[in-house]
């Protein structure tokens, strides 16, 4: 098996980081495979959402593979930055399943997702300062999700937080007591996403990201334009007709 497992099940592409012995650290090969898998899932009309997880129960992702030296690390960092930008503007909903610890670069992957479900008992953190680095790129996502003072405490001390603490900080959506409950929650959410209009989710997800980068007045105007765009789609007409006729909608993505 390769460093990344790809499976489509019930309308969701499930991407599994498959370097369990290395705590699912991000190698150059794995970064490339993630990019290819995201392209594949985007092009597949049957895929309504993407679920990102890690093999085993020790780590979701422990961050970058640090064995490549400074030059290799810099090249990997640039590729990783591109992956974060790709995830942030991805046209389909992203769900992260954390059944193991999430550290360093793994935090960036997780935070770039829309929904994050974690198993109780795991830890999340940014240990970069302990090896002479700092969580710079992922800091852009941490500050968009967590309270500033609490985020800085985590980054400056390099001390990990529990899943429950991460939930309270805003880094994690929900925490579940065990793997069974975690998997049930992930499956339920992916199934719920599948029921909704794919074009509306795609336009809406991107519009929310774009609006975050605007002032309030500009954001409202931008989002109003996106609503106008959606109102002219076949899916909107179908959704309103289905509501009136009390029947399930038949989405076409147009």
Foldseek 3Di string as FASTA:
>chain_A
DDQWDWDDDQQEIEIEREPVVVLSADDPVNLVVVVVRLVVLLPDPSHQEYEQAYPDQAHRYAYHDPPPDDVRVVVVVVSLLVVLVCLLLRLHAYEYETNHEAEQSSLSVQLSGDAYEYEFPHKYAYQQVVVVGFSPSSVVSLVVFFDPVVSCVRGVVRDIDTPVVCCVRRSHVYYDHHDVVSVVVVVVVSNVSSLDASLCSRLVSNLVSVLVVDDPVVSVVSVVVSVVVVCPDPQVVQVVVCVVVVHRGDHDSD
